[in-house]
Each structure stands twice: as C-alpha cells, then as structure tokens.
Amino acid sequence: MRAFRRSLPMALLKAREAVMARFRPLLHEHDLTEQQWRVLRALTTADEFRAGELARVSSISMPSLSRILRTLEKRELIQRGIEDKDLRAAQISITPSGRDMIALIAPHSERRYAEITAAFGADRLATLYGLLDELADCLGDPDGSDGDEE
C-alpha cells in the first residue's frame, strides 16, 4: 500500500481544504454552506436546471441537493417551477435575491482567487486546472457526487 501522504484522495482533500480555508469564512459571513454556494454558482450558468442536472454540475447527491434546495428556497435565493411537459420535473432557477447574494460575495471571492494566484502562480494554477480536468475526464464521474454532503 502506498504511503498515506501519497494517497491521491488525501492529497486532493488536503489541497481542497487549504483552498476552502480561504473561502469558508466569507461564506459563513453570509450564512451559506459550501454546498449552497456551489448550487447558487451553478444556477448562474443557465436560466434554469432540472434537479438531476443541477446535482451533476454541482457534484452533490440528490438527497443532499433536496435539502439544500429547501433551505435556499426558504431564503428566497432560488425558486422552483413546474415543467410544462412533465409535471413531476421541477425547474430550478436563481431569484433576483440569489443574484444579489452572488453579486455581494463575488468581489470578495475574486480577491481570494487573486491571493491564491499570487501565492501559487498563474501558470501553475492554469496547469493545475488542466490536470484536474484531465484526471476527471479520464476517470469519469460514476455517480455525479463527490461525497461532499451537507
């Protein structure tokens, strides 16, 4: 068995925690979890999502996404509508209040990204993004969830 410090899941987790330590306080200031933030950010990339697609793009399991959506809906940061063709399928979109929340947090988030880029280097960060994308593409995404649950 390989050394614990050379375990790929542990190395990725350690790097993730180092990065998230920069963002977590910002999210907590706005009473958001990391997973809620991921959902809000994902919702800014399209007019609306079906729940399954939103779970996939935000790497959150469906049961966790259901809880997150209930919380965000109560806070009026998202809304759910019914699809005309399939009354069982909810269409989820971000509300104006949700967009306001994103706009409030975004400049502070970008400052954190600038700090990370300054510390790690723009070229190295671009290489890292590329390598992580290649790794994910190579290994696939068997269940659409990263196990990072709320």
Foldseek 3Di string as FASTA:
>chain_A
DDDPCPPVVVVVVVVVVVLVVLVVVLCVVVPHDPLLVLLLVVQVVDQWDWLVVSLLSSQHDSVQSVVSVVVCVVVQQKDWDADPVDRVIIIIHGDPVVVVVCVVSVVSVVVSVVVVCVVQPPVVVVVVVVVVVVVCVVVDDVRSHPPPGD
